[in-house]
Protein backbone atom coordinates (compact mmCIF):
# COMPACT_ATOMS: atom_id res chain seq x y z
CA UNK A 1 0.00 0.00 0.00
CA UNK A 2 1.12 3.53 -0.69
CA UNK A 3 2.38 5.51 2.32
CA UNK A 4 0.81 8.82 3.28
CA UNK A 5 2.90 11.80 2.17
CA UNK A 6 4.29 13.59 5.25
CA UNK A 7 4.36 17.37 5.48
CA UNK A 8 7.46 19.28 6.59
CA UNK A 9 7.14 22.98 7.39
CA UNK A 10 10.35 25.03 7.46
CA UNK A 11 10.32 28.37 9.25
CA UNK A 12 10.02 31.20 6.76
CA UNK A 13 13.42 32.52 5.54
CA UNK A 14 15.40 29.81 7.38
CA UNK A 15 15.80 27.68 4.26
CA UNK A 16 16.38 30.56 1.85
CA UNK A 17 19.01 32.22 4.05
CA UNK A 18 20.85 28.96 4.62
CA UNK A 19 20.71 28.05 0.92
CA UNK A 20 21.79 31.50 -0.30
CA UNK A 21 24.82 31.44 2.01
CA UNK A 22 26.01 28.08 0.68
CA UNK A 23 25.43 29.02 -2.96
CA UNK A 24 27.35 32.27 -2.44
CA UNK A 25 30.26 30.35 -0.93
CA UNK A 26 30.28 28.06 -4.01
CA UNK A 27 30.42 24.97 -1.84
CA UNK A 28 30.19 21.56 -3.47
CA UNK A 29 29.02 19.63 -0.41
CA UNK A 30 27.79 20.57 3.03
CA UNK A 31 25.71 19.04 5.82
CA UNK A 32 23.49 20.67 8.43
CA UNK A 33 21.29 19.38 11.25
CA UNK A 34 17.55 20.01 11.10
CA UNK A 35 16.32 21.32 14.46
CA UNK A 36 12.60 20.87 14.79
CA UNK A 37 9.62 19.14 16.28
CA UNK A 38 7.61 16.07 15.34
CA UNK A 39 3.84 16.33 15.49
CA UNK A 40 0.82 16.45 13.22
CA UNK A 41 3.30 18.20 10.93
CA UNK A 42 7.06 18.19 11.31
CA UNK A 43 8.26 21.74 11.97
CA UNK A 44 11.84 22.82 11.27
CA UNK A 45 12.89 25.87 13.26
CA UNK A 46 16.56 26.06 12.33
CA UNK A 47 19.31 24.47 10.26
CA UNK A 48 22.55 24.13 12.21
CA UNK A 49 25.65 23.82 10.00
CA UNK A 50 28.01 21.00 10.92
CA UNK A 51 31.44 22.60 11.58
CA UNK A 52 34.35 21.61 9.39
CA UNK A 53 36.66 19.08 10.97
CA UNK A 54 40.17 20.35 11.54
CA UNK A 55 42.29 19.81 8.43
CA UNK A 56 39.55 17.97 6.56
CA UNK A 57 36.72 19.61 4.64
CA UNK A 58 33.47 17.83 3.80
CA UNK A 59 33.57 17.11 0.08
CA UNK A 60 30.99 14.38 -0.69
CA UNK A 61 28.77 11.65 0.71
CA UNK A 62 31.56 9.19 0.05
CA UNK A 63 34.10 10.70 2.44
CA UNK A 64 32.29 12.87 5.01
CA UNK A 65 33.14 12.21 8.67
CA UNK A 66 30.05 10.50 10.05
CA UNK A 67 31.48 10.30 13.57
CA UNK A 68 32.06 14.06 13.60
CA UNK A 69 28.45 14.73 12.55
CA UNK A 70 27.15 12.47 15.33
CA UNK A 71 29.41 14.11 17.91
CA UNK A 72 28.15 17.52 16.84
CA UNK A 73 24.54 16.29 17.04
CA UNK A 74 25.12 15.13 20.61
CA UNK A 75 26.29 18.63 21.59
CA UNK A 76 23.37 20.27 19.80
CA UNK A 77 20.80 18.00 21.46
CA UNK A 78 22.03 19.02 24.92
CA UNK A 79 21.23 22.65 24.07
CA UNK A 80 17.63 22.05 23.00
CA UNK A 81 14.55 22.60 25.17
CA UNK A 82 11.78 20.06 25.54
CA UNK A 83 9.77 19.49 22.40
CA UNK A 84 12.73 19.99 20.07
CA UNK A 85 15.17 17.49 18.65
CA UNK A 86 17.28 16.76 15.57
CA UNK A 87 14.66 15.64 13.05
CA UNK A 88 17.09 14.99 10.19
CA UNK A 89 19.85 16.45 8.04
CA UNK A 90 20.11 19.05 5.32
CA UNK A 91 22.39 18.14 2.39
CA UNK A 92 23.81 20.73 0.01
CA UNK A 93 25.10 18.93 -3.07
CA UNK A 94 23.83 17.71 -6.45
CA UNK A 95 20.61 15.78 -5.83
CA UNK A 96 21.88 12.98 -8.06
CA UNK A 97 24.76 12.38 -5.63
CA UNK A 98 22.40 12.01 -2.69
CA UNK A 99 20.32 9.50 -4.63
CA UNK A 100 23.44 7.50 -5.41
CA UNK A 101 24.41 7.36 -1.72
CA UNK A 102 20.96 6.80 -0.22
CA UNK A 103 22.39 3.99 1.95
CA UNK A 104 24.79 6.50 3.55
CA UNK A 105 21.89 8.87 4.20
CA UNK A 106 19.86 6.13 5.90
CA UNK A 107 22.82 5.03 8.00
CA UNK A 108 23.38 8.59 9.22
CA UNK A 109 19.71 9.15 10.04
CA UNK A 110 19.48 5.85 11.94
CA UNK A 111 22.53 6.73 14.02
CA UNK A 112 21.18 10.22 14.71
CA UNK A 113 18.04 8.63 16.17
CA UNK A 114 20.24 6.51 18.45
CA UNK A 115 22.22 9.58 19.55
CA UNK A 116 18.93 11.23 20.51
CA UNK A 117 17.91 8.22 22.58
CA UNK A 118 21.30 8.11 24.34
CA UNK A 119 20.88 11.76 25.22
CA UNK A 120 17.67 10.74 26.99
CA UNK A 121 19.42 7.96 28.86
CA UNK A 122 17.86 5.41 26.51
CA UNK A 123 14.40 6.43 27.75
CA UNK A 124 12.83 8.22 24.78
CA UNK A 125 9.99 5.70 24.60
CA UNK A 126 9.02 6.40 28.23
CA UNK A 127 7.46 9.74 27.29
CA UNK A 128 5.83 9.23 23.91
CA UNK A 129 5.76 7.01 20.88
CA UNK A 130 8.97 7.71 19.03
CA UNK A 131 8.72 9.06 15.51
CA UNK A 132 10.00 6.39 13.18
CA UNK A 133 10.74 8.91 10.43
CA UNK A 134 13.76 11.16 9.95
CA UNK A 135 14.09 13.66 7.14
CA UNK A 136 16.55 14.60 4.44
CA UNK A 137 16.20 18.18 3.23
CA UNK A 138 17.97 18.37 -0.12
CA UNK A 139 19.33 21.65 -1.49
CA UNK A 140 20.54 20.84 -4.97
CA UNK A 141 23.73 22.78 -5.65
CA UNK A 142 23.30 22.22 -9.40
CA UNK A 143 19.66 23.19 -9.98
CA UNK A 144 19.05 25.28 -6.81
CA UNK A 145 15.87 23.30 -6.23
CA UNK A 146 14.82 22.16 -2.77
CA UNK A 147 13.14 18.87 -1.94
CA UNK A 148 12.50 16.66 1.07
CA UNK A 149 12.38 12.91 1.75
CA UNK A 150 11.33 10.91 4.78
CA UNK A 151 13.26 7.79 5.80
CA UNK A 152 11.98 5.13 8.17
CA UNK A 153 14.79 4.56 10.66
CA UNK A 154 13.17 1.31 11.74
CA UNK A 155 13.55 -0.07 8.21
CA UNK A 156 17.13 -0.98 7.31
CA UNK A 157 16.20 -0.97 3.62
CA UNK A 158 14.37 2.35 3.51
CA UNK A 159 15.16 4.31 0.34
CA UNK A 160 13.18 7.38 1.29
CA UNK A 161 9.72 8.65 0.38
CA UNK A 162 9.00 12.14 -1.02
CA UNK A 163 7.63 14.55 1.60
CA UNK A 164 5.71 17.75 1.03
CA UNK A 165 7.94 20.75 1.75
CA UNK A 166 6.43 24.08 2.82
CA UNK A 167 7.93 27.35 4.07
CA UNK A 168 5.86 29.60 6.28
CA UNK A 169 6.09 31.53 9.59
CA UNK A 170 5.74 28.99 12.37
CA UNK A 171 7.87 29.99 15.36
CA UNK A 172 5.34 32.57 16.59
CA UNK A 173 2.76 29.82 17.12
CA UNK A 174 4.54 27.88 19.85
CA UNK A 175 3.52 27.57 23.48
CA UNK A 176 6.15 27.87 26.22
CA UNK A 177 5.75 25.46 29.13
CA UNK A 178 7.69 26.08 32.34
CA UNK A 179 7.98 23.96 35.45
CA UNK A 180 10.03 23.80 38.63
CA UNK A 181 10.56 20.07 39.05
CA UNK A 182 11.68 18.43 42.31
CA UNK A 183 14.23 15.65 41.86
CA UNK A 184 14.90 12.81 44.28
CA UNK A 185 16.48 9.42 43.59
CA UNK A 186 19.50 7.31 44.48
CA UNK A 187 22.21 5.49 42.52
CA UNK A 188 24.35 2.65 43.94
CA UNK A 189 28.12 3.01 43.63
CA UNK A 190 30.27 0.01 42.82
CA UNK A 191 33.79 -0.64 44.14
CA UNK A 192 36.82 0.87 42.49
CA UNK A 193 37.53 -0.93 39.23
CA UNK A 194 39.56 1.57 37.20
CA UNK A 195 40.56 5.02 38.42
CA UNK A 196 37.68 5.58 40.84
CA UNK A 197 34.32 4.17 41.94
CA UNK A 198 31.44 5.64 39.94
CA UNK A 199 27.75 4.83 39.50
CA UNK A 200 27.56 2.15 36.83
CA UNK A 201 25.79 3.04 33.59
CA UNK A 202 23.02 0.43 34.09
CA UNK A 203 22.28 1.73 37.58
CA UNK A 204 22.40 5.34 36.42
CA UNK A 205 19.97 4.56 33.62
CA UNK A 206 17.72 2.54 35.92
CA UNK A 207 17.58 5.41 38.44
CA UNK A 208 16.67 8.00 35.83
CA UNK A 209 14.14 5.64 34.27
CA UNK A 210 12.49 5.01 37.63
CA UNK A 211 12.34 8.74 38.31
CA UNK A 212 11.13 9.53 34.78
CA UNK A 213 8.28 7.05 35.10
CA UNK A 214 7.36 8.74 38.38
CA UNK A 215 6.95 11.97 36.43
CA UNK A 216 4.61 10.26 33.98
CA UNK A 217 2.48 8.79 36.79
CA UNK A 218 2.24 12.15 38.51
CA UNK A 219 0.83 13.74 35.39
CA UNK A 220 -1.68 10.97 34.82
CA UNK A 221 -2.90 11.31 38.39
CA UNK A 222 -3.89 14.89 37.73
CA UNK A 223 -1.05 16.81 39.38
CA UNK A 224 -0.26 18.42 36.05
CA UNK A 225 -2.81 21.20 35.56
CA UNK A 226 -3.14 21.11 31.80
CA UNK A 227 -3.99 17.40 31.92
CA UNK A 228 -7.27 18.30 33.63
CA UNK A 229 -8.50 19.14 30.15
CA UNK A 230 -9.56 16.61 27.55
CA UNK A 231 -6.77 15.44 25.26
CA UNK A 232 -8.90 16.77 22.41
CA UNK A 233 -8.01 20.24 23.72
CA UNK A 234 -5.06 21.92 22.05
CA UNK A 235 -2.42 23.89 23.88
CA UNK A 236 -3.77 27.08 22.29
CA UNK A 237 -6.68 26.83 24.73
CA UNK A 238 -4.38 27.69 27.63
CA UNK A 239 -3.67 31.30 26.72
CA UNK A 240 -2.70 33.69 29.47
CA UNK A 241 0.41 32.07 30.89
CA UNK A 242 -0.90 31.32 34.39
CA UNK A 243 -1.46 27.95 35.99
CA UNK A 244 -4.92 26.69 35.09
CA UNK A 245 -7.43 24.51 36.85
CA UNK A 246 -7.99 22.70 33.58
CA UNK A 247 -10.96 24.60 32.10
CA UNK A 248 -10.06 26.14 28.77
CA UNK A 249 -11.12 29.77 28.21
CA UNK A 250 -14.09 30.24 25.91
CA UNK A 251 -12.24 32.55 23.56
CA UNK A 252 -9.40 30.12 22.87
CA UNK A 253 -7.33 31.18 19.89
CA UNK A 254 -5.00 29.05 17.81
CA UNK A 255 -2.42 31.84 17.72
CA UNK A 256 0.79 32.83 19.42
CA UNK A 257 0.87 32.54 23.22
CA UNK A 258 3.42 34.98 24.56
CA UNK A 259 3.27 34.31 28.32
CA UNK A 260 4.53 30.90 29.46
CA UNK A 261 2.20 28.31 30.95
CA UNK A 262 3.43 27.28 34.39
CA UNK A 263 2.64 23.66 35.16
CA UNK A 264 3.19 21.32 38.08
CA UNK A 265 4.63 17.89 37.41
CA UNK A 266 5.28 16.65 40.94
CA UNK A 267 4.51 17.77 44.45
CA UNK A 268 7.61 19.11 46.26
CA UNK A 269 9.61 16.47 48.12
CA UNK A 270 8.97 16.75 51.90
CA UNK A 271 11.98 18.03 53.90
CA UNK A 272 14.35 15.22 54.76
CA UNK A 273 12.65 12.74 52.44
CA UNK A 274 14.38 10.84 49.68
CA UNK A 275 13.06 9.44 46.47
CA UNK A 276 13.06 5.88 45.21
CA UNK A 277 16.22 3.86 45.46
CA UNK A 278 17.40 1.61 42.66
CA UNK A 279 17.27 -2.08 43.49
CA UNK A 280 20.32 -4.06 42.46
CA UNK A 281 19.77 -7.44 40.86
CA UNK A 282 20.71 -10.47 42.93
CA UNK A 283 23.70 -11.32 40.77
CA UNK A 284 26.70 -13.03 42.30
CA UNK A 285 28.90 -11.47 39.63
CA UNK A 286 27.89 -7.96 40.71
CA UNK A 287 30.05 -6.61 43.55
CA UNK A 288 28.36 -5.17 46.61
CA UNK A 289 27.91 -1.38 46.43
CA UNK A 290 30.23 0.74 48.53
CA UNK A 291 28.03 3.79 48.60
CA UNK A 292 24.96 5.55 47.30
CA UNK A 293 24.74 8.78 45.36
CA UNK A 294 21.59 10.49 46.53
CA UNK A 295 20.30 13.17 44.20
CA UNK A 296 17.71 15.64 45.47
CA UNK A 297 16.87 19.18 44.52
CA UNK A 298 14.83 21.08 41.98
CA UNK A 299 15.50 21.94 38.35
CA UNK A 300 14.06 24.37 35.81
CA UNK A 301 12.27 22.56 33.00
CA UNK A 302 11.19 24.31 29.80
CA UNK A 303 9.53 23.11 26.63
CA UNK A 304 8.13 24.68 23.47
CA UNK A 305 5.29 22.96 21.62
CA UNK A 306 3.21 24.05 18.64
CA UNK A 307 -0.05 25.55 19.90
CA UNK A 308 -2.04 23.34 17.53
CA UNK A 309 -0.82 20.17 19.26
CA UNK A 310 -2.82 18.41 21.97
CA UNK A 311 -2.11 18.75 25.67
CA UNK A 312 -0.57 15.27 25.77
CA UNK A 313 2.19 16.56 23.47
CA UNK A 314 2.95 19.31 25.97
CA UNK A 315 3.04 16.81 28.82
CA UNK A 316 5.45 14.55 26.92
CA UNK A 317 7.70 17.48 25.98
CA UNK A 318 8.17 18.80 29.51
CA UNK A 319 8.79 15.31 30.91
CA UNK A 320 11.34 14.58 28.21
CA UNK A 321 13.05 17.89 28.97
CA UNK A 322 13.49 16.89 32.63
CA UNK A 323 15.03 13.58 31.61
CA UNK A 324 17.44 15.04 29.05
CA UNK A 325 18.46 17.80 31.48
CA UNK A 326 19.26 15.26 34.20
CA UNK A 327 21.21 12.99 31.85
CA UNK A 328 23.22 15.96 30.57
CA UNK A 329 24.07 17.34 34.01
CA UNK A 330 24.95 14.03 35.61
CA UNK A 331 27.05 13.08 32.60
CA UNK A 332 29.08 16.27 32.89
CA UNK A 333 29.61 15.90 36.64
CA UNK A 334 30.80 12.32 36.28
CA UNK A 335 33.07 13.28 33.39
CA UNK A 336 34.61 16.07 35.47
CA UNK A 337 35.21 13.69 38.37
CA UNK A 338 36.77 11.13 36.06
CA UNK A 339 39.06 13.79 34.57
CA UNK A 340 40.04 14.98 38.05
CA UNK A 341 40.88 11.43 39.10
CA UNK A 342 43.05 10.91 36.02
CA UNK A 343 44.85 14.17 36.85
CA UNK A 344 45.62 12.87 40.35
CA UNK A 345 43.27 15.18 42.26
CA UNK A 346 42.32 14.10 45.77
CA UNK A 347 38.94 15.82 45.51
CA UNK A 348 37.28 12.91 43.69
CA UNK A 349 34.99 10.05 44.59
CA UNK A 350 37.95 7.77 45.19
CA UNK A 351 39.88 10.44 47.08
CA UNK A 352 37.00 11.09 49.42
CA UNK A 353 36.54 7.39 50.10
CA UNK A 354 40.21 6.87 50.87
CA UNK A 355 40.40 9.85 53.22
CA UNK A 356 36.93 9.38 54.74
CA UNK A 357 35.92 12.97 54.06
CA UNK A 358 33.15 14.80 52.24
CA UNK A 359 33.67 15.46 48.54
CA UNK A 360 31.37 17.90 46.76
CA UNK A 361 30.76 19.15 43.24
CA UNK A 362 28.29 21.74 42.01
CA UNK A 363 25.83 20.60 39.37
CA UNK A 364 25.89 22.69 36.18
CA UNK A 365 23.22 25.41 36.17
CA UNK A 366 20.85 25.79 33.25
CA UNK A 367 20.79 29.10 31.37
CA UNK A 368 18.75 30.18 28.35
CA UNK A 369 19.25 32.26 25.22
CA UNK A 370 17.02 33.06 22.20
CA UNK A 371 16.99 31.11 18.97
CA UNK A 372 16.26 34.35 17.15
CA UNK A 373 17.85 37.59 18.36
CA UNK A 374 15.42 40.43 18.99
CA UNK A 375 12.37 38.17 19.26
CA UNK A 376 10.80 38.76 22.68
CA UNK A 377 9.06 35.69 24.03
CA UNK A 378 10.40 33.49 21.24
CA UNK A 379 11.84 29.99 21.37
CA UNK A 380 14.83 29.65 23.68
CA UNK A 381 17.73 27.22 23.66
CA UNK A 382 19.86 26.37 26.67
CA UNK A 383 23.31 25.61 27.98
CA UNK A 384 24.67 24.25 31.27
CA UNK A 385 27.35 26.28 33.01
CA UNK A 386 29.79 25.75 35.85
CA UNK A 387 30.14 28.33 38.61
CA UNK A 388 33.08 30.07 36.92
CA UNK A 389 31.50 30.31 33.47
CA UNK A 390 29.95 33.56 32.25
CA UNK A 391 27.38 34.77 29.73
CA UNK A 392 30.26 35.44 27.34
CA UNK A 393 31.20 31.75 27.48
CA UNK A 394 27.61 30.77 26.69
CA UNK A 395 27.46 33.17 23.74
CA UNK A 396 30.71 31.72 22.40
CA UNK A 397 29.38 28.15 22.67
CA UNK A 398 26.16 29.14 20.92
CA UNK A 399 28.17 30.55 18.04
CA UNK A 400 30.58 27.62 17.74
CA UNK A 401 28.07 24.78 18.19
CA UNK A 402 24.85 26.24 16.79
CA UNK A 403 26.15 28.92 14.44
CA UNK A 404 24.00 31.55 16.17
CA UNK A 405 24.93 35.20 16.64
CA UNK A 406 24.18 35.35 20.36
CA UNK A 407 25.40 38.24 22.49
CA UNK A 408 26.22 37.95 26.19
CA UNK A 409 23.35 40.32 26.93
CA UNK A 410 20.93 37.80 25.35
CA UNK A 411 21.77 35.09 27.90
CA UNK A 412 19.46 34.67 30.91
CA UNK A 413 21.78 33.46 33.67
CA UNK A 414 19.51 33.57 36.73
CA UNK A 415 16.93 30.85 35.99
CA UNK A 416 18.68 28.59 38.49
CA UNK A 417 21.03 29.22 41.36
CA UNK A 418 23.21 26.40 42.60
CA UNK A 419 23.01 25.58 46.28
CA UNK A 420 26.31 26.34 48.04
CA UNK A 421 27.92 22.98 48.88
CA UNK A 422 29.55 22.38 52.29
CA UNK A 423 33.28 22.87 52.39
CA UNK A 424 35.17 20.02 50.76
CA UNK A 425 37.29 17.97 53.12
CA UNK A 426 34.87 18.03 56.06
CA UNK A 427 34.11 14.85 57.96
CA UNK A 428 30.65 13.45 57.27
CA UNK A 429 28.18 12.98 60.09
CA UNK A 430 27.37 9.34 60.74
CA UNK A 431 23.86 8.29 59.73
CA UNK A 432 21.73 5.39 60.83
CA UNK A 433 21.30 2.65 58.23
CA UNK A 434 17.58 3.37 57.99
CA UNK A 435 18.28 6.92 56.85
CA UNK A 436 20.40 5.83 53.91
CA UNK A 437 17.39 4.32 52.15
CA UNK A 438 19.62 2.30 49.83
CA UNK A 439 17.94 -0.84 48.50
CA UNK A 440 20.25 -3.75 47.69
CA UNK A 441 19.74 -7.44 47.06
CA UNK A 442 20.04 -9.92 49.96
CA UNK A 443 23.35 -11.17 48.57
CA UNK A 444 24.75 -7.68 48.35
CA UNK A 445 23.50 -6.80 51.81
CA UNK A 446 25.17 -9.85 53.30
CA UNK A 447 28.44 -8.90 51.70
CA UNK A 448 28.33 -5.47 53.33
CA UNK A 449 28.35 -5.66 57.14
CA UNK A 450 28.01 -1.90 57.66
CA UNK A 451 25.56 0.66 56.38
CA UNK A 452 26.17 2.13 52.95
CA UNK A 453 27.75 5.57 52.81
CA UNK A 454 25.45 8.17 51.32
CA UNK A 455 26.10 10.79 48.68
CA UNK A 456 23.54 13.58 49.13
CA UNK A 457 22.44 16.37 46.86
CA UNK A 458 21.37 19.62 48.50
CA UNK A 459 18.85 21.99 46.94
CA UNK A 460 19.11 25.77 46.80
CA UNK A 461 16.69 28.55 45.93
CA UNK A 462 16.56 29.88 42.38
CA UNK A 463 15.11 32.99 40.80
CA UNK A 464 12.94 30.75 38.62
CA UNK A 465 11.32 29.29 41.73
CA UNK A 466 13.54 26.38 40.83
CA UNK A 467 16.86 25.48 42.31
CA UNK A 468 20.07 24.28 40.91
CA UNK A 469 21.59 21.59 43.05
CA UNK A 470 24.97 20.50 44.33
CA UNK A 471 26.22 16.94 44.47
CA UNK A 472 27.67 16.06 47.85
CA UNK A 473 29.46 12.79 48.54
CA UNK A 474 29.72 11.57 52.14
CA UNK A 475 31.49 8.44 53.32
CA UNK A 476 30.74 6.84 56.67
């Protein structure tokens, strides 16, 4: 049977400006990442050029650096808000060349989908049915004609189907969803195997998955205000930007919504309480944990969804944003600790364990900047900064990674404020085993005669009514 032709809408002037620049430069081959949103129609908000690799220019489908494109996509994905992802690639070259190398196109699109899932901790399917299509936007360098194809990334033999390509203003018709989301979960730490003990990837993924599913349950139980409405209701019905009881205003308009909609995903964690612990499998090959990283706090979540989409799309977007934000931040903290250990620093997980002292590290704070300069209330992208980083650093990253002309004055730095961690090197206060709330298998518990040391995360107060948080490792 013949497949339905999919529609792809590119933001007005985005395609023409990108195309004109490449034609003027007389390039023979170039690749860009399509930043957009899946939905009833796929919307493309921006085309991000893939930077040239050092000493090697992209010249054709036959010799482009696929690994470099995927690495760049990983960086780009970390800077996107909820609702947005890399929906495909833009190829500037003769269309006949792309047809000849359709297998290379499919391979790249399939791997881009996997990069997206890794950026979500492998949990993309927790929030919504994953789009099986990725798109190739073709700018023919020979004829100057533009076309689009959709490829099924679940089909290893997909050759691409023509898609309807439209250009029109679309970015003004997005809804901004904001939420201050409490975070609370634990991750077991395994014994030192290489340079330092760290939470294993399976346990890290299991912890985030458990927490992410908690978000989904909270919404379904009615704690998310916009879910009080019928799923037949579109997000355009929630104009006004304030938290709603669920009844859509009578004069709902399918137009731009300037003020953000503030929603509640979870009730705040009671003082002194901890979230779910991750249960370790009863596997004799798995060593007993030597500690627990406890992560608590509150983070700023933000998503942008087309106002014509249903409320369930908004719910999925904000939940996915929380997950990707957590995966990004934890990944950077663990990478910094690993680098410090390799450099011989004592202020690491292993160093703290050996000396029996507290080791702390501030979680990166989330900051925002506009996709389009001069557009008030428009779509915003994000970056995660360490305490010493400035708005100038964010603007530089936006230019190098996204190709955007962002000024330091465009960056909103005060959405989150990291909680001040206790002084490193202090001795941890002993805790009763019941307060650790670490769940292990009977075999693992028998192997450990004393209570597990706890790594705590302390929340602070942010200007967004959300807090950044600091990771604090304590050994008993």
